[in-house]
Amino acid sequence: MPLLARPSIAGLVAKAMQRATRLAGRRLAISSYARFPEYPRKVRELTIPTSVAPARATVYLPAVSEDAAPAVHVNFHGGGYVMTLTELDDPLCRFLAAEAGVVVINVDYVVAPQHPFPAPARQAYEVVRWVAEHGTEQGWDGGRLTVGGQSAGGGLAAAVARQALEEAGPEIALQVLHYPPLDLATGIRRKRAAIAKPMLRPWMGDVFDTSYIPDVRVRRDRLASPAHPSDTADLKGIAPALIVTAEYDILKAEAQSYAARLRAVGALAGHHDVTGADHGYDGKDEVKARESYALIARHLREAVG
């Protein structure tokens, strides 16, 4: 067993990564706010109650809305289920609020190892359920609801859609899965990327997966690994999905497998592969980011229109 795949060691490294992220927080926020300056940052803060813990969220309001109560999109950030990187999704949230004309709720969910699986997945679902039920008082239409996320956030969005299917709601018009991890049961050292040195390195997968789900047997759970062959449940009726992959991403194959599974039950709204890109490409490549975000915005408009 690799050293970083040991729960005690992985937890220590994950906490060190969290401290580093907090120290860089102001710099990351300033950098994120500076991107896409043509899209204003019109926000308010919100705390959403859940059985896991209160979830802080930033609500992005569309600059102009034709609806008295616009549709709402719930976003979950990436970070390997370990790091709180909410501010990195600020450019995406501003872009979607403006281009799709929706309210975007960027959720600061609990992370591992302090809150291991299934806590983040359950909290994410309860946040979305609350958003659906409290639209009237908050100023959005909870009946026109979409969810999405980047990397680990995409995995949480998939888990939210699965729980909504199993628990008869809320109704989700679209799930957006942007380079998501969908098979934690298969260790990262058994996955293959199209390039020699992909962005996600083996040591990262050891830390992230072990911190999130220390018991390897639990990693086959359908809320963590819906792309693993062990999950054979009928997904007919699940929210349609837009899946965006990156050509060089080590997670691409599992997202492709899940896309095929959703296509088989008529739940694939689209699968777009970003050529010449690796995991997290949109954090650095402005051109590719704009293209992908515009695609997502178009799908959101169509889903809630």
Protein backbone atom coordinates (compact mmCIF):
# COMPACT_ATOMS: atom_id res chain seq x y z
CA MET A 1 0.00 0.00 0.00
CA PRO A 2 1.41 3.45 -0.92
CA LEU A 3 2.22 5.55 2.14
CA LEU A 4 -0.30 8.25 1.17
CA ALA A 5 -3.06 5.64 0.84
CA ARG A 6 -2.91 5.02 4.59
CA PRO A 7 -5.82 6.92 6.21
CA SER A 8 -3.77 8.50 8.99
CA ILE A 9 -1.12 9.80 6.58
CA ALA A 10 -3.63 10.87 3.92
CA GLY A 11 -5.55 12.81 6.54
CA LEU A 12 -2.47 14.71 7.65
CA VAL A 13 -1.56 15.63 4.08
CA ALA A 14 -5.14 16.66 3.33
CA LYS A 15 -5.17 19.00 6.32
CA ALA A 16 -1.86 20.49 5.22
CA MET A 17 -3.38 21.13 1.80
CA GLN A 18 -6.34 22.80 3.48
CA ARG A 19 -4.05 25.11 5.46
CA ALA A 20 -2.17 26.04 2.30
CA THR A 21 -5.44 26.79 0.55
CA ARG A 22 -6.58 29.04 3.40
CA LEU A 23 -3.30 30.95 3.34
CA ALA A 24 -3.68 31.51 -0.39
CA GLY A 25 -7.37 32.32 -0.08
CA ARG A 26 -7.20 36.08 -0.55
CA ARG A 27 -4.84 35.81 -3.52
CA LEU A 28 -7.03 33.15 -5.15
CA ALA A 29 -10.14 35.25 -4.62
CA ILE A 30 -8.60 38.39 -6.13
CA SER A 31 -7.38 36.43 -9.12
CA SER A 32 -10.78 34.83 -9.64
CA TYR A 33 -12.67 38.13 -9.32
CA ALA A 34 -10.43 39.64 -12.01
CA ARG A 35 -11.35 37.07 -14.64
CA PHE A 36 -14.18 37.82 -17.11
CA PRO A 37 -14.47 41.46 -15.98
CA GLU A 38 -17.42 42.06 -18.31
CA TYR A 39 -19.59 39.94 -16.02
CA PRO A 40 -20.49 41.83 -12.83
CA ARG A 41 -20.28 40.24 -9.41
CA LYS A 42 -23.76 40.77 -8.01
CA VAL A 43 -23.94 38.51 -4.96
CA ARG A 44 -25.37 37.95 -1.53
CA GLU A 45 -24.44 35.45 1.17
CA LEU A 46 -26.72 32.69 2.40
CA THR A 47 -26.54 29.92 5.00
CA ILE A 48 -28.52 26.78 4.25
CA PRO A 49 -29.47 24.41 7.09
CA THR A 50 -28.74 20.69 6.66
CA SER A 51 -28.55 17.66 8.96
CA VAL A 52 -24.77 17.50 8.40
CA ALA A 53 -23.88 21.14 9.14
CA PRO A 54 -25.00 24.59 7.98
CA ALA A 55 -23.74 25.21 4.44
CA ARG A 56 -22.50 28.66 3.57
CA ALA A 57 -23.28 29.69 0.02
CA THR A 58 -22.77 32.67 -2.26
CA VAL A 59 -25.80 33.56 -4.36
CA TYR A 60 -25.04 35.08 -7.78
CA LEU A 61 -27.87 37.12 -9.22
CA PRO A 62 -28.42 37.68 -12.93
CA ALA A 63 -27.87 41.32 -13.88
CA VAL A 64 -31.09 41.36 -15.84
CA SER A 65 -33.82 38.77 -15.71
CA GLU A 66 -36.92 38.55 -17.87
CA ASP A 67 -38.56 36.48 -15.13
CA ALA A 68 -39.76 37.76 -11.80
CA ALA A 69 -38.39 34.51 -10.39
CA PRO A 70 -35.51 33.20 -12.51
CA ALA A 71 -34.44 29.57 -12.62
CA VAL A 72 -31.74 28.44 -10.19
CA HIS A 73 -28.49 26.50 -10.65
CA VAL A 74 -26.65 24.96 -7.68
CA ASN A 75 -22.87 24.72 -8.15
CA PHE A 76 -20.37 22.53 -6.29
CA HIS A 77 -16.66 23.39 -6.52
CA GLY A 78 -13.76 21.01 -7.03
CA GLY A 79 -10.88 20.18 -4.70
CA GLY A 80 -10.72 16.40 -4.37
CA TYR A 81 -13.44 16.37 -1.68
CA VAL A 82 -10.71 17.82 0.55
CA MET A 83 -10.04 21.46 -0.29
CA THR A 84 -12.45 24.36 -0.03
CA LEU A 85 -12.01 26.14 -3.35
CA THR A 86 -15.32 27.94 -3.58
CA GLU A 87 -13.84 31.20 -4.86
CA LEU A 88 -12.19 29.51 -7.84
CA ASP A 89 -15.66 28.99 -9.30
CA ASP A 90 -16.50 32.69 -9.10
CA PRO A 91 -15.79 33.29 -12.84
CA LEU A 92 -18.01 30.36 -13.81
CA CYS A 93 -20.82 31.48 -11.53
CA ARG A 94 -20.76 35.05 -12.84
CA PHE A 95 -20.66 33.76 -16.41
CA LEU A 96 -23.65 31.45 -15.94
CA ALA A 97 -25.69 34.03 -14.06
CA ALA A 98 -25.20 36.49 -16.92
CA GLU A 99 -25.35 34.20 -19.95
CA ALA A 100 -27.99 31.74 -18.75
CA GLY A 101 -30.02 34.33 -16.83
CA VAL A 102 -30.24 32.11 -13.76
CA VAL A 103 -29.54 32.51 -10.06
CA VAL A 104 -26.37 30.55 -9.27
CA ILE A 105 -25.77 29.23 -5.76
CA ASN A 106 -22.11 28.41 -5.12
CA VAL A 107 -21.98 26.03 -2.16
CA ASP A 108 -19.23 25.82 0.46
CA TYR A 109 -19.87 22.19 1.41
CA VAL A 110 -18.15 20.18 4.15
CA VAL A 111 -14.93 18.40 3.17
CA ALA A 112 -12.87 15.40 4.26
CA PRO A 113 -11.13 14.20 6.32
CA GLN A 114 -13.12 16.17 8.89
CA HIS A 115 -16.34 15.14 7.14
CA PRO A 116 -15.76 11.89 5.22
CA PHE A 117 -18.23 10.20 2.89
CA PRO A 118 -21.22 10.17 2.85
CA ALA A 119 -21.46 13.53 4.64
CA PRO A 120 -20.60 15.81 1.65
CA ALA A 121 -22.90 13.87 -0.69
CA ARG A 122 -25.77 13.97 1.77
CA GLN A 123 -25.27 17.65 2.59
CA ALA A 124 -25.17 18.50 -1.12
CA TYR A 125 -28.49 16.75 -1.66
CA GLU A 126 -30.11 18.49 1.30
CA VAL A 127 -28.87 21.85 0.03
CA VAL A 128 -30.47 21.22 -3.35
CA ARG A 129 -33.70 20.05 -1.75
CA TRP A 130 -33.77 23.23 0.38
CA VAL A 131 -33.15 25.38 -2.70
CA ALA A 132 -36.07 23.69 -4.45
CA GLU A 133 -38.40 24.23 -1.49
CA HIS A 134 -37.53 27.84 -0.62
CA GLY A 135 -37.58 29.58 -3.97
CA THR A 136 -40.58 31.77 -3.27
CA GLU A 137 -39.04 33.41 -0.22
CA GLN A 138 -35.57 33.65 -1.77
CA GLY A 139 -36.50 35.06 -5.18
CA TRP A 140 -35.89 32.16 -7.55
CA ASP A 141 -38.05 29.47 -9.14
CA GLY A 142 -37.28 26.23 -7.29
CA GLY A 143 -39.31 24.34 -9.86
CA ARG A 144 -36.76 25.21 -12.54
CA LEU A 145 -33.69 23.73 -10.94
CA THR A 146 -30.32 22.51 -12.24
CA VAL A 147 -27.18 21.28 -10.50
CA GLY A 148 -23.55 21.01 -11.52
CA GLY A 149 -19.96 20.96 -10.46
CA GLN A 150 -16.33 20.75 -11.44
CA SER A 151 -14.12 17.77 -10.57
CA ALA A 152 -15.19 16.56 -7.09
CA GLY A 153 -18.11 18.97 -7.38
CA GLY A 154 -19.21 17.09 -10.47
CA GLY A 155 -19.10 13.88 -8.46
CA LEU A 156 -21.33 15.53 -5.84
CA ALA A 157 -23.73 16.78 -8.52
CA ALA A 158 -24.05 13.20 -9.79
CA ALA A 159 -24.68 12.02 -6.22
CA VAL A 160 -27.37 14.68 -5.80
CA ALA A 161 -29.14 13.55 -8.97
CA ARG A 162 -28.99 9.93 -7.82
CA GLN A 163 -30.50 10.74 -4.43
CA ALA A 164 -33.21 12.83 -6.09
CA LEU A 165 -34.08 9.80 -8.23
CA GLU A 166 -34.18 7.48 -5.23
CA GLU A 167 -36.06 9.86 -2.93
CA ALA A 168 -38.61 11.11 -5.48
CA GLY A 169 -37.29 14.61 -5.81
CA PRO A 170 -36.66 17.37 -6.12
CA GLU A 171 -37.04 17.45 -9.88
CA ILE A 172 -33.75 18.42 -11.53
CA ALA A 173 -33.87 19.68 -15.09
CA LEU A 174 -30.16 19.10 -15.77
CA GLN A 175 -27.02 17.86 -14.04
CA VAL A 176 -23.75 19.31 -15.35
CA LEU A 177 -20.77 17.06 -14.70
CA HIS A 178 -17.54 18.88 -15.58
CA TYR A 179 -14.48 16.53 -15.61
CA PRO A 180 -15.97 14.56 -12.68
CA PRO A 181 -14.54 11.63 -10.69
CA LEU A 182 -17.17 8.91 -11.00
CA ASP A 183 -15.25 5.75 -10.09
CA LEU A 184 -13.41 5.92 -6.78
CA ALA A 185 -13.52 2.12 -6.54
CA THR A 186 -10.81 1.95 -9.20
CA GLY A 187 -7.63 3.36 -7.72
CA ILE A 188 -5.94 6.19 -9.57
CA ARG A 189 -2.82 4.06 -10.08
CA ARG A 190 -4.92 1.75 -12.26
CA LYS A 191 -6.22 4.58 -14.42
CA ARG A 192 -4.50 5.71 -17.60
CA ALA A 193 -4.28 9.18 -19.11
CA ALA A 194 -3.54 10.14 -22.71
CA ILE A 195 -0.34 11.95 -21.67
CA ALA A 196 2.65 10.90 -19.59
CA LYS A 197 2.19 13.46 -16.82
CA PRO A 198 -1.48 14.37 -16.35
CA MET A 199 -2.49 17.13 -13.96
CA LEU A 200 -3.89 14.65 -11.42
CA ARG A 201 -0.90 12.74 -10.08
CA PRO A 202 -1.11 9.34 -8.33
CA TRP A 203 -0.22 10.81 -4.94
CA MET A 204 -3.14 13.24 -5.22
CA GLY A 205 -5.56 10.41 -5.90
CA ASP A 206 -4.22 8.52 -2.87
CA VAL A 207 -4.74 11.54 -0.61
CA PHE A 208 -8.13 12.56 -1.99
CA ASP A 209 -9.73 9.12 -2.20
CA THR A 210 -8.38 7.91 1.13
CA SER A 211 -9.36 11.07 2.98
CA TYR A 212 -12.86 11.00 1.50
CA ILE A 213 -13.51 7.26 1.86
CA PRO A 214 -10.90 5.54 4.05
CA ASP A 215 -12.49 2.09 3.68
CA VAL A 216 -11.78 0.90 0.14
CA ARG A 217 -14.81 -1.41 0.28
CA VAL A 218 -17.13 1.58 0.66
CA ARG A 219 -15.77 3.23 -2.48
CA ARG A 220 -18.12 1.11 -4.59
CA ASP A 221 -21.09 3.00 -3.16
CA ARG A 222 -23.32 4.37 -5.93
CA LEU A 223 -22.92 7.92 -4.59
CA ALA A 224 -19.15 7.69 -5.04
CA SER A 225 -18.69 5.38 -8.03
CA PRO A 226 -21.72 5.38 -10.35
CA ALA A 227 -19.41 4.56 -13.27
CA HIS A 228 -18.02 1.40 -11.64
CA PRO A 229 -19.38 -1.89 -13.05
CA SER A 230 -20.67 -2.90 -9.61
CA ASP A 231 -23.44 -0.29 -9.83
CA THR A 232 -26.10 -1.97 -11.95
CA ALA A 233 -29.21 -0.14 -10.74
CA ASP A 234 -31.80 1.05 -13.25
CA LEU A 235 -31.22 4.79 -13.73
CA LYS A 236 -34.29 5.40 -15.86
CA GLY A 237 -35.82 8.71 -14.78
CA ILE A 238 -32.61 10.28 -13.46
CA ALA A 239 -32.00 13.93 -14.34
CA PRO A 240 -30.51 14.38 -17.83
CA ALA A 241 -26.81 15.13 -17.82
CA LEU A 242 -24.38 17.28 -19.72
CA ILE A 243 -20.96 15.69 -19.30
CA VAL A 244 -17.85 17.70 -20.16
CA THR A 245 -14.55 15.84 -20.28
CA ALA A 246 -10.96 16.89 -21.04
CA GLU A 247 -8.96 14.96 -23.63
CA TYR A 248 -5.90 14.36 -21.44
CA ASP A 249 -7.69 13.94 -18.09
CA ILE A 250 -7.00 10.72 -16.21
CA LEU A 251 -10.70 10.76 -15.21
CA LYS A 252 -11.98 10.90 -18.78
CA ALA A 253 -12.62 7.16 -19.21
CA GLU A 254 -14.95 6.90 -16.22
CA ALA A 255 -16.93 9.93 -17.34
CA GLN A 256 -17.25 8.35 -20.78
CA SER A 257 -18.51 5.13 -19.20
CA TYR A 258 -21.10 7.04 -17.20
CA ALA A 259 -22.15 8.96 -20.31
CA ALA A 260 -22.78 5.65 -22.06
CA ARG A 261 -24.79 4.41 -19.10
CA LEU A 262 -26.96 7.52 -19.11
CA ARG A 263 -27.36 7.42 -22.87
CA ALA A 264 -28.77 3.90 -22.55
CA VAL A 265 -31.65 5.19 -20.40
CA GLY A 266 -32.22 8.36 -22.40
CA ALA A 267 -30.66 10.63 -19.80
CA LEU A 268 -27.66 12.05 -21.68
CA ALA A 269 -28.29 15.63 -22.76
CA GLY A 270 -24.81 15.87 -24.24
CA HIS A 271 -21.18 14.83 -23.97
CA HIS A 272 -18.51 17.32 -24.97
CA ASP A 273 -14.80 16.52 -24.93
CA VAL A 274 -12.44 19.50 -24.70
CA THR A 275 -9.54 18.74 -27.02
CA GLY A 276 -5.98 19.47 -25.99
CA ALA A 277 -7.02 19.96 -22.38
CA ASP A 278 -6.34 18.32 -19.03
CA HIS A 279 -8.15 18.25 -15.72
CA GLY A 280 -8.94 21.75 -14.43
CA TYR A 281 -8.07 23.35 -17.77
CA ASP A 282 -10.60 26.15 -17.33
CA GLY A 283 -8.60 27.63 -14.46
CA LYS A 284 -5.82 28.65 -16.85
CA ASP A 285 -7.05 28.57 -20.45
CA GLU A 286 -9.36 31.55 -20.93
CA VAL A 287 -10.37 30.58 -24.47
CA LYS A 288 -11.32 27.00 -23.64
CA ALA A 289 -13.00 28.14 -20.42
CA ARG A 290 -15.24 30.58 -22.30
CA GLU A 291 -16.16 27.93 -24.85
CA SER A 292 -17.10 25.38 -22.20
CA TYR A 293 -18.94 27.87 -20.03
CA ALA A 294 -20.93 29.09 -23.04
CA LEU A 295 -21.87 25.48 -23.79
CA ILE A 296 -23.01 24.95 -20.21
CA ALA A 297 -24.99 28.21 -20.22
CA ARG A 298 -26.75 27.18 -23.43
CA HIS A 299 -27.73 23.82 -21.95
CA LEU A 300 -29.00 25.50 -18.79
CA ARG A 301 -31.18 27.88 -20.77
CA GLU A 302 -32.62 25.03 -22.79
CA ALA A 303 -33.22 22.86 -19.73
CA VAL A 304 -35.16 25.46 -17.74
CA GLY A 305 -36.72 27.35 -20.63
